[in-house]
All heavy atoms as atom14 arrays in JSON, in Angstrom:
{
  "sequence": "HALAVAGSGGRQSVTIPIQLSDKLQDTDRSIDVMFFATAEGA",
  "atom14_mask": [
    [1, 1, 1, 1, 1, 1, 1, 1, 1, 1, 0, 0, 0, 0],
    [1, 1, 1, 1, 1, 0, 0, 0, 0, 0, 0, 0, 0, 0],
    [1, 1, 1, 1, 1, 1, 1, 1, 0, 0, 0, 0, 0, 0],
    [1, 1, 1, 1, 1, 0, 0, 0, 0, 0, 0, 0, 0, 0],
    [1, 1, 1, 1, 1, 1, 1, 0, 0, 0, 0, 0, 0, 0],
    [1, 1, 1, 1, 1, 0, 0, 0, 0, 0, 0, 0, 0, 0],
    [1, 1, 1, 1, 0, 0, 0, 0, 0, 0, 0, 0, 0, 0],
    [1, 1, 1, 1, 1, 1, 0, 0, 0, 0, 0, 0, 0, 0],
    [1, 1, 1, 1, 0, 0, 0, 0, 0, 0, 0, 0, 0, 0],
    [1, 1, 1, 1, 0, 0, 0, 0, 0, 0, 0, 0, 0, 0],
    [1, 1, 1, 1, 1, 1, 1, 1, 1, 1, 1, 0, 0, 0],
    [1, 1, 1, 1, 1, 1, 1, 1, 1, 0, 0, 0, 0, 0],
    [1, 1, 1, 1, 1, 1, 0, 0, 0, 0, 0, 0, 0, 0],
    [1, 1, 1, 1, 1, 1, 1, 0, 0, 0, 0, 0, 0, 0],
    [1, 1, 1, 1, 1, 1, 1, 0, 0, 0, 0, 0, 0, 0],
    [1, 1, 1, 1, 1, 1, 1, 1, 0, 0, 0, 0, 0, 0],
    [1, 1, 1, 1, 1, 1, 1, 0, 0, 0, 0, 0, 0, 0],
    [1, 1, 1, 1, 1, 1, 1, 1, 0, 0, 0, 0, 0, 0],
    [1, 1, 1, 1, 1, 1, 1, 1, 1, 0, 0, 0, 0, 0],
    [1, 1, 1, 1, 1, 1, 1, 1, 0, 0, 0, 0, 0, 0],
    [1, 1, 1, 1, 1, 1, 0, 0, 0, 0, 0, 0, 0, 0],
    [1, 1, 1, 1, 1, 1, 1, 1, 0, 0, 0, 0, 0, 0],
    [1, 1, 1, 1, 1, 1, 1, 1, 1, 0, 0, 0, 0, 0],
    [1, 1, 1, 1, 1, 1, 1, 1, 0, 0, 0, 0, 0, 0],
    [1, 1, 1, 1, 1, 1, 1, 1, 1, 0, 0, 0, 0, 0],
    [1, 1, 1, 1, 1, 1, 1, 1, 0, 0, 0, 0, 0, 0],
    [1, 1, 1, 1, 1, 1, 1, 0, 0, 0, 0, 0, 0, 0],
    [1, 1, 1, 1, 1, 1, 1, 1, 0, 0, 0, 0, 0, 0],
    [1, 1, 1, 1, 1, 1, 1, 1, 1, 1, 1, 0, 0, 0],
    [1, 1, 1, 1, 1, 1, 0, 0, 0, 0, 0, 0, 0, 0],
    [1, 1, 1, 1, 1, 1, 1, 1, 0, 0, 0, 0, 0, 0],
    [1, 1, 1, 1, 1, 1, 1, 1, 0, 0, 0, 0, 0, 0],
    [1, 1, 1, 1, 1, 1, 1, 0, 0, 0, 0, 0, 0, 0],
    [1, 1, 1, 1, 1, 1, 1, 1, 0, 0, 0, 0, 0, 0],
    [1, 1, 1, 1, 1, 1, 1, 1, 1, 1, 1, 0, 0, 0],
    [1, 1, 1, 1, 1, 1, 1, 1, 1, 1, 1, 0, 0, 0],
    [1, 1, 1, 1, 1, 0, 0, 0, 0, 0, 0, 0, 0, 0],
    [1, 1, 1, 1, 1, 1, 1, 0, 0, 0, 0, 0, 0, 0],
    [1, 1, 1, 1, 1, 0, 0, 0, 0, 0, 0, 0, 0, 0],
    [1, 1, 1, 1, 1, 1, 1, 1, 1, 0, 0, 0, 0, 0],
    [1, 1, 1, 1, 0, 0, 0, 0, 0, 0, 0, 0, 0, 0],
    [1, 1, 1, 1, 1, 0, 0, 0, 0, 0, 0, 0, 0, 0]
  ],
  "atom14_positions": [
    [[10.17, -6.12, 6.63], [9.48, -7.42, 7.0], [8.27, -7.54, 6.09], [7.48, -6.64, 5.95], [8.97, -7.37, 8.48], [10.06, -7.0, 9.44], [10.86, -7.98, 10.03], [10.57, -5.79, 9.89], [11.76, -7.4, 10.82], [11.59, -6.1, 10.73], [0.0, 0.0, 0.0], [0.0, 0.0, 0.0], [0.0, 0.0, 0.0], [0.0, 0.0, 0.0]],
    [[8.14, -8.7, 5.48], [7.05, -8.95, 4.49], [5.71, -9.04, 5.17], [5.52, -9.77, 6.22], [7.3, -10.25, 3.74], [0.0, 0.0, 0.0], [0.0, 0.0, 0.0], [0.0, 0.0, 0.0], [0.0, 0.0, 0.0], [0.0, 0.0, 0.0], [0.0, 0.0, 0.0], [0.0, 0.0, 0.0], [0.0, 0.0, 0.0], [0.0, 0.0, 0.0]],
    [[4.73, -8.32, 4.61], [3.33, -8.45, 5.07], [2.56, -9.24, 4.03], [1.71, -10.09, 4.47], [2.68, -7.1, 5.12], [3.12, -6.12, 6.25], [2.46, -4.77, 6.08], [2.8, -6.75, 7.57], [0.0, 0.0, 0.0], [0.0, 0.0, 0.0], [0.0, 0.0, 0.0], [0.0, 0.0, 0.0], [0.0, 0.0, 0.0], [0.0, 0.0, 0.0]],
    [[2.82, -9.08, 2.77], [2.13, -9.81, 1.72], [3.03, -9.98, 0.53], [3.84, -9.13, 0.26], [0.84, -9.06, 1.33], [0.0, 0.0, 0.0], [0.0, 0.0, 0.0], [0.0, 0.0, 0.0], [0.0, 0.0, 0.0], [0.0, 0.0, 0.0], [0.0, 0.0, 0.0], [0.0, 0.0, 0.0], [0.0, 0.0, 0.0], [0.0, 0.0, 0.0]],
    [[2.72, -11.03, -0.26], [3.5, -11.31, -1.46], [2.43, -11.58, -2.54], [1.27, -11.75, -2.29], [4.47, -12.47, -1.37], [5.62, -12.16, -0.44], [3.74, -13.74, -0.9], [0.0, 0.0, 0.0], [0.0, 0.0, 0.0], [0.0, 0.0, 0.0], [0.0, 0.0, 0.0], [0.0, 0.0, 0.0], [0.0, 0.0, 0.0], [0.0, 0.0, 0.0]],
    [[2.87, -11.55, -3.83], [1.97, -11.77, -4.91], [1.04, -12.98, -4.69], [1.41, -13.98, -4.21], [2.82, -12.05, -6.24], [0.0, 0.0, 0.0], [0.0, 0.0, 0.0], [0.0, 0.0, 0.0], [0.0, 0.0, 0.0], [0.0, 0.0, 0.0], [0.0, 0.0, 0.0], [0.0, 0.0, 0.0], [0.0, 0.0, 0.0], [0.0, 0.0, 0.0]],
    [[-0.2, -12.74, -5.07], [-1.26, -13.79, -4.95], [-1.85, -13.89, -3.59], [-2.73, -14.75, -3.44], [0.0, 0.0, 0.0], [0.0, 0.0, 0.0], [0.0, 0.0, 0.0], [0.0, 0.0, 0.0], [0.0, 0.0, 0.0], [0.0, 0.0, 0.0], [0.0, 0.0, 0.0], [0.0, 0.0, 0.0], [0.0, 0.0, 0.0], [0.0, 0.0, 0.0]],
    [[-1.5, -13.02, -2.64], [-2.15, -13.1, -1.33], [-3.14, -12.01, -1.12], [-3.5, -11.58, -0.03], [-1.06, -13.0, -0.23], [-0.45, -11.69, -0.24], [0.0, 0.0, 0.0], [0.0, 0.0, 0.0], [0.0, 0.0, 0.0], [0.0, 0.0, 0.0], [0.0, 0.0, 0.0], [0.0, 0.0, 0.0], [0.0, 0.0, 0.0], [0.0, 0.0, 0.0]],
    [[-3.8, -11.6, -2.26], [-4.79, -10.52, -2.21], [-5.99, -10.87, -1.3], [-6.16, -12.03, -0.98], [0.0, 0.0, 0.0], [0.0, 0.0, 0.0], [0.0, 0.0, 0.0], [0.0, 0.0, 0.0], [0.0, 0.0, 0.0], [0.0, 0.0, 0.0], [0.0, 0.0, 0.0], [0.0, 0.0, 0.0], [0.0, 0.0, 0.0], [0.0, 0.0, 0.0]],
    [[-6.8, -9.9, -1.07], [-7.93, -10.05, -0.17], [-7.64, -9.5, 1.23], [-6.45, -9.42, 1.59], [0.0, 0.0, 0.0], [0.0, 0.0, 0.0], [0.0, 0.0, 0.0], [0.0, 0.0, 0.0], [0.0, 0.0, 0.0], [0.0, 0.0, 0.0], [0.0, 0.0, 0.0], [0.0, 0.0, 0.0], [0.0, 0.0, 0.0], [0.0, 0.0, 0.0]],
    [[-8.6, -9.1, 1.85], [-8.48, -8.51, 3.24], [-7.85, -9.52, 4.16], [-8.28, -10.66, 4.26], [-9.82, -8.06, 3.78], [-9.75, -7.22, 4.99], [-11.02, -6.54, 5.27], [-10.99, -5.85, 6.53], [-11.94, -4.92, 6.82], [-12.94, -4.7, 6.07], [-11.87, -4.3, 8.0], [0.0, 0.0, 0.0], [0.0, 0.0, 0.0], [0.0, 0.0, 0.0]],
    [[-6.76, -9.13, 4.89], [-6.03, -9.94, 5.81], [-5.46, -9.16, 6.95], [-5.36, -7.91, 6.91], [-4.94, -10.76, 5.1], [-4.04, -9.87, 4.22], [-3.2, -10.69, 3.28], [-2.24, -11.35, 3.7], [-3.55, -10.64, 2.06], [0.0, 0.0, 0.0], [0.0, 0.0, 0.0], [0.0, 0.0, 0.0], [0.0, 0.0, 0.0], [0.0, 0.0, 0.0]],
    [[-5.07, -9.86, 8.01], [-4.46, -9.27, 9.18], [-3.19, -9.99, 9.46], [-3.15, -11.24, 9.51], [-5.39, -9.3, 10.33], [-4.84, -8.75, 11.45], [0.0, 0.0, 0.0], [0.0, 0.0, 0.0], [0.0, 0.0, 0.0], [0.0, 0.0, 0.0], [0.0, 0.0, 0.0], [0.0, 0.0, 0.0], [0.0, 0.0, 0.0], [0.0, 0.0, 0.0]],
    [[-2.1, -9.21, 9.68], [-0.77, -9.76, 9.93], [-0.19, -9.08, 11.16], [-0.28, -7.82, 11.33], [0.13, -9.59, 8.72], [1.58, -10.06, 9.1], [-0.34, -10.32, 7.5], [0.0, 0.0, 0.0], [0.0, 0.0, 0.0], [0.0, 0.0, 0.0], [0.0, 0.0, 0.0], [0.0, 0.0, 0.0], [0.0, 0.0, 0.0], [0.0, 0.0, 0.0]],
    [[0.35, -9.85, 12.09], [1.01, -9.34, 13.25], [2.54, -9.59, 13.17], [2.88, -10.73, 12.94], [0.47, -9.92, 14.55], [-0.94, -9.69, 14.62], [1.15, -9.43, 15.8], [0.0, 0.0, 0.0], [0.0, 0.0, 0.0], [0.0, 0.0, 0.0], [0.0, 0.0, 0.0], [0.0, 0.0, 0.0], [0.0, 0.0, 0.0], [0.0, 0.0, 0.0]],
    [[3.31, -8.57, 13.37], [4.77, -8.65, 13.25], [5.4, -8.07, 14.5], [5.14, -6.91, 14.82], [5.27, -7.93, 11.99], [4.72, -8.64, 10.68], [6.79, -7.81, 11.98], [5.17, -7.93, 9.45], [0.0, 0.0, 0.0], [0.0, 0.0, 0.0], [0.0, 0.0, 0.0], [0.0, 0.0, 0.0], [0.0, 0.0, 0.0], [0.0, 0.0, 0.0]],
    [[6.29, -8.84, 15.14], [7.06, -8.26, 16.23], [8.38, -7.68, 15.7], [9.04, -8.38, 14.87], [7.37, -9.44, 17.14], [7.31, -10.64, 16.25], [6.41, -10.27, 15.1], [0.0, 0.0, 0.0], [0.0, 0.0, 0.0], [0.0, 0.0, 0.0], [0.0, 0.0, 0.0], [0.0, 0.0, 0.0], [0.0, 0.0, 0.0], [0.0, 0.0, 0.0]],
    [[8.79, -6.49, 16.09], [10.03, -5.86, 15.65], [10.8, -5.33, 16.85], [10.21, -4.51, 17.69], [9.73, -4.66, 14.69], [8.97, -5.17, 13.4], [11.05, -3.98, 14.31], [8.59, -4.09, 12.48], [0.0, 0.0, 0.0], [0.0, 0.0, 0.0], [0.0, 0.0, 0.0], [0.0, 0.0, 0.0], [0.0, 0.0, 0.0], [0.0, 0.0, 0.0]],
    [[12.01, -5.87, 16.98], [12.88, -5.42, 18.12], [13.12, -3.92, 17.9], [13.47, -3.42, 16.88], [14.18, -6.22, 18.08], [15.19, -5.8, 19.09], [14.86, -6.12, 20.47], [13.93, -5.56, 21.01], [15.57, -7.09, 21.1], [0.0, 0.0, 0.0], [0.0, 0.0, 0.0], [0.0, 0.0, 0.0], [0.0, 0.0, 0.0], [0.0, 0.0, 0.0]],
    [[13.04, -3.09, 19.03], [13.23, -1.66, 18.94], [14.52, -1.16, 19.5], [14.93, -0.02, 19.23], [12.12, -0.94, 19.69], [10.74, -0.98, 19.07], [9.72, -0.22, 19.93], [10.73, -0.5, 17.68], [0.0, 0.0, 0.0], [0.0, 0.0, 0.0], [0.0, 0.0, 0.0], [0.0, 0.0, 0.0], [0.0, 0.0, 0.0], [0.0, 0.0, 0.0]],
    [[15.23, -1.94, 20.25], [16.5, -1.48, 20.96], [17.5, -0.8, 20.01], [18.2, 0.06, 20.39], [17.14, -2.57, 21.72], [16.34, -2.96, 22.8], [0.0, 0.0, 0.0], [0.0, 0.0, 0.0], [0.0, 0.0, 0.0], [0.0, 0.0, 0.0], [0.0, 0.0, 0.0], [0.0, 0.0, 0.0], [0.0, 0.0, 0.0], [0.0, 0.0, 0.0]],
    [[17.56, -1.31, 18.77], [18.58, -0.72, 17.83], [17.93, 0.27, 16.83], [18.56, 0.66, 15.87], [19.29, -1.83, 17.07], [18.35, -2.66, 16.24], [17.11, -2.57, 16.45], [18.83, -3.34, 15.3], [0.0, 0.0, 0.0], [0.0, 0.0, 0.0], [0.0, 0.0, 0.0], [0.0, 0.0, 0.0], [0.0, 0.0, 0.0], [0.0, 0.0, 0.0]],
    [[16.71, 0.7, 17.07], [16.02, 1.6, 16.18], [16.22, 3.08, 16.6], [16.49, 3.35, 17.74], [14.51, 1.31, 16.11], [14.21, -0.12, 15.71], [14.8, -0.48, 14.33], [14.35, -1.81, 13.88], [15.34, -2.83, 13.98], [0.0, 0.0, 0.0], [0.0, 0.0, 0.0], [0.0, 0.0, 0.0], [0.0, 0.0, 0.0], [0.0, 0.0, 0.0]],
    [[16.09, 3.97, 15.62], [16.29, 5.38, 15.82], [15.01, 6.06, 16.4], [13.96, 5.86, 15.77], [16.71, 6.07, 14.51], [17.05, 7.53, 14.6], [18.31, 7.75, 15.48], [17.33, 8.07, 13.15], [0.0, 0.0, 0.0], [0.0, 0.0, 0.0], [0.0, 0.0, 0.0], [0.0, 0.0, 0.0], [0.0, 0.0, 0.0], [0.0, 0.0, 0.0]],
    [[15.17, 6.7, 17.49], [14.04, 7.37, 18.09], [14.14, 8.87, 17.94], [15.25, 9.4, 18.2], [13.92, 7.01, 19.6], [12.67, 7.31, 20.28], [12.56, 6.69, 21.67], [13.6, 6.33, 22.25], [11.36, 6.55, 22.11], [0.0, 0.0, 0.0], [0.0, 0.0, 0.0], [0.0, 0.0, 0.0], [0.0, 0.0, 0.0], [0.0, 0.0, 0.0]],
    [[13.14, 9.54, 17.47], [13.16, 11.01, 17.28], [13.16, 11.7, 18.65], [12.89, 11.15, 19.7], [11.98, 11.44, 16.45], [12.27, 12.66, 15.61], [13.2, 13.42, 15.97], [11.45, 13.01, 14.77], [0.0, 0.0, 0.0], [0.0, 0.0, 0.0], [0.0, 0.0, 0.0], [0.0, 0.0, 0.0], [0.0, 0.0, 0.0], [0.0, 0.0, 0.0]],
    [[13.39, 13.06, 18.63], [13.38, 13.78, 19.87], [12.05, 13.78, 20.61], [11.98, 13.95, 21.82], [13.8, 15.18, 19.6], [12.98, 15.78, 18.6], [15.28, 15.29, 19.18], [0.0, 0.0, 0.0], [0.0, 0.0, 0.0], [0.0, 0.0, 0.0], [0.0, 0.0, 0.0], [0.0, 0.0, 0.0], [0.0, 0.0, 0.0], [0.0, 0.0, 0.0]],
    [[10.95, 13.57, 19.94], [9.61, 13.49, 20.54], [9.27, 12.09, 20.98], [8.17, 11.76, 21.33], [8.52, 14.06, 19.63], [8.3, 13.21, 18.38], [9.02, 12.22, 18.15], [7.38, 13.54, 17.63], [0.0, 0.0, 0.0], [0.0, 0.0, 0.0], [0.0, 0.0, 0.0], [0.0, 0.0, 0.0], [0.0, 0.0, 0.0], [0.0, 0.0, 0.0]],
    [[10.31, 11.2, 20.96], [10.19, 9.77, 21.34], [9.38, 8.94, 20.35], [9.09, 7.83, 20.62], [9.61, 9.61, 22.76], [10.45, 10.32, 23.77], [10.85, 9.34, 24.78], [11.83, 10.04, 25.68], [12.26, 9.47, 26.77], [11.91, 8.33, 27.08], [13.14, 10.15, 27.45], [0.0, 0.0, 0.0], [0.0, 0.0, 0.0], [0.0, 0.0, 0.0]],
    [[9.07, 9.46, 19.18], [8.36, 8.67, 18.2], [9.35, 7.87, 17.38], [10.52, 8.07, 17.41], [7.55, 9.61, 17.2], [8.47, 10.36, 16.47], [0.0, 0.0, 0.0], [0.0, 0.0, 0.0], [0.0, 0.0, 0.0], [0.0, 0.0, 0.0], [0.0, 0.0, 0.0], [0.0, 0.0, 0.0], [0.0, 0.0, 0.0], [0.0, 0.0, 0.0]],
    [[8.79, 6.81, 16.79], [9.57, 5.99, 15.88], [8.9, 6.03, 14.52], [7.64, 6.21, 14.41], [9.74, 4.55, 16.37], [8.43, 3.92, 16.66], [10.68, 4.45, 17.58], [8.55, 2.42, 16.95], [0.0, 0.0, 0.0], [0.0, 0.0, 0.0], [0.0, 0.0, 0.0], [0.0, 0.0, 0.0], [0.0, 0.0, 0.0], [0.0, 0.0, 0.0]],
    [[9.66, 5.95, 13.47], [9.13, 5.98, 12.07], [8.84, 4.6, 11.56], [9.71, 3.75, 11.55], [10.05, 6.67, 11.15], [10.27, 8.15, 11.52], [9.37, 8.72, 12.11], [11.34, 8.63, 11.2], [0.0, 0.0, 0.0], [0.0, 0.0, 0.0], [0.0, 0.0, 0.0], [0.0, 0.0, 0.0], [0.0, 0.0, 0.0], [0.0, 0.0, 0.0]],
    [[7.59, 4.32, 11.15], [7.23, 3.11, 10.49], [6.91, 3.4, 9.06], [6.11, 4.37, 8.7], [5.96, 2.48, 11.22], [5.55, 1.21, 10.45], [6.3, 2.17, 12.57], [0.0, 0.0, 0.0], [0.0, 0.0, 0.0], [0.0, 0.0, 0.0], [0.0, 0.0, 0.0], [0.0, 0.0, 0.0], [0.0, 0.0, 0.0], [0.0, 0.0, 0.0]],
    [[7.52, 2.68, 8.14], [7.32, 2.88, 6.67], [6.81, 1.6, 6.05], [7.27, 0.49, 6.31], [8.67, 3.25, 6.04], [8.58, 3.64, 4.57], [7.92, 5.27, 4.26], [9.34, 6.28, 4.67], [0.0, 0.0, 0.0], [0.0, 0.0, 0.0], [0.0, 0.0, 0.0], [0.0, 0.0, 0.0], [0.0, 0.0, 0.0], [0.0, 0.0, 0.0]],
    [[5.81, 1.73, 5.16], [5.29, 0.68, 4.32], [5.93, 0.82, 2.95], [5.93, 1.92, 2.36], [3.77, 0.73, 4.24], [3.06, 0.49, 5.55], [2.69, 1.5, 6.38], [2.82, -0.82, 5.95], [2.05, 1.28, 7.58], [2.18, -1.09, 7.24], [1.84, -0.05, 7.97], [0.0, 0.0, 0.0], [0.0, 0.0, 0.0], [0.0, 0.0, 0.0]],
    [[6.32, -0.33, 2.35], [6.94, -0.4, 1.07], [6.04, -1.24, 0.16], [5.94, -2.45, 0.43], [8.32, -0.94, 1.09], [9.26, -0.17, 2.04], [9.33, -0.48, 3.34], [10.08, 0.79, 1.46], [10.16, 0.3, 4.21], [10.94, 1.51, 2.34], [10.97, 1.23, 3.7], [0.0, 0.0, 0.0], [0.0, 0.0, 0.0], [0.0, 0.0, 0.0]],
    [[5.43, -0.66, -0.84], [4.6, -1.44, -1.78], [5.23, -1.55, -3.11], [5.8, -0.59, -3.67], [3.27, -0.69, -1.92], [0.0, 0.0, 0.0], [0.0, 0.0, 0.0], [0.0, 0.0, 0.0], [0.0, 0.0, 0.0], [0.0, 0.0, 0.0], [0.0, 0.0, 0.0], [0.0, 0.0, 0.0], [0.0, 0.0, 0.0], [0.0, 0.0, 0.0]],
    [[5.17, -2.79, -3.71], [5.7, -2.98, -5.03], [4.59, -3.55, -5.94], [4.0, -4.58, -5.54], [6.92, -4.03, -5.02], [7.83, -3.58, -4.07], [7.47, -4.16, -6.35], [0.0, 0.0, 0.0], [0.0, 0.0, 0.0], [0.0, 0.0, 0.0], [0.0, 0.0, 0.0], [0.0, 0.0, 0.0], [0.0, 0.0, 0.0], [0.0, 0.0, 0.0]],
    [[4.28, -2.87, -6.95], [3.21, -3.28, -7.89], [3.85, -3.94, -9.08], [4.95, -3.68, -9.52], [2.38, -2.12, -8.26], [0.0, 0.0, 0.0], [0.0, 0.0, 0.0], [0.0, 0.0, 0.0], [0.0, 0.0, 0.0], [0.0, 0.0, 0.0], [0.0, 0.0, 0.0], [0.0, 0.0, 0.0], [0.0, 0.0, 0.0], [0.0, 0.0, 0.0]],
    [[3.09, -4.84, -9.76], [3.54, -5.47, -10.98], [3.68, -4.42, -12.04], [2.75, -3.64, -12.29], [2.57, -6.6, -11.35], [3.11, -7.42, -12.54], [2.25, -8.6, -12.83], [1.38, -8.94, -12.0], [2.41, -9.17, -13.92], [0.0, 0.0, 0.0], [0.0, 0.0, 0.0], [0.0, 0.0, 0.0], [0.0, 0.0, 0.0], [0.0, 0.0, 0.0]],
    [[4.79, -4.34, -12.73], [5.02, -3.41, -13.72], [5.11, -1.99, -13.3], [4.85, -1.03, -13.96], [0.0, 0.0, 0.0], [0.0, 0.0, 0.0], [0.0, 0.0, 0.0], [0.0, 0.0, 0.0], [0.0, 0.0, 0.0], [0.0, 0.0, 0.0], [0.0, 0.0, 0.0], [0.0, 0.0, 0.0], [0.0, 0.0, 0.0], [0.0, 0.0, 0.0]],
    [[5.43, -1.78, -11.98], [5.49, -0.47, -11.35], [6.48, 0.45, -12.07], [6.16, 1.56, -12.34], [5.82, -0.58, -9.88], [0.0, 0.0, 0.0], [0.0, 0.0, 0.0], [0.0, 0.0, 0.0], [0.0, 0.0, 0.0], [0.0, 0.0, 0.0], [0.0, 0.0, 0.0], [0.0, 0.0, 0.0], [0.0, 0.0, 0.0], [0.0, 0.0, 0.0]]
  ]
}
């Protein structure tokens, strides 16, 4: 789910709802959240 795209720099706050019913839950009942960053010329 996109949080920011090119040109949206600066401090910001984004709220995203994500359905969990089909997500994988670990044995300790935690769920894994991952952030994916793409830099120009990465």
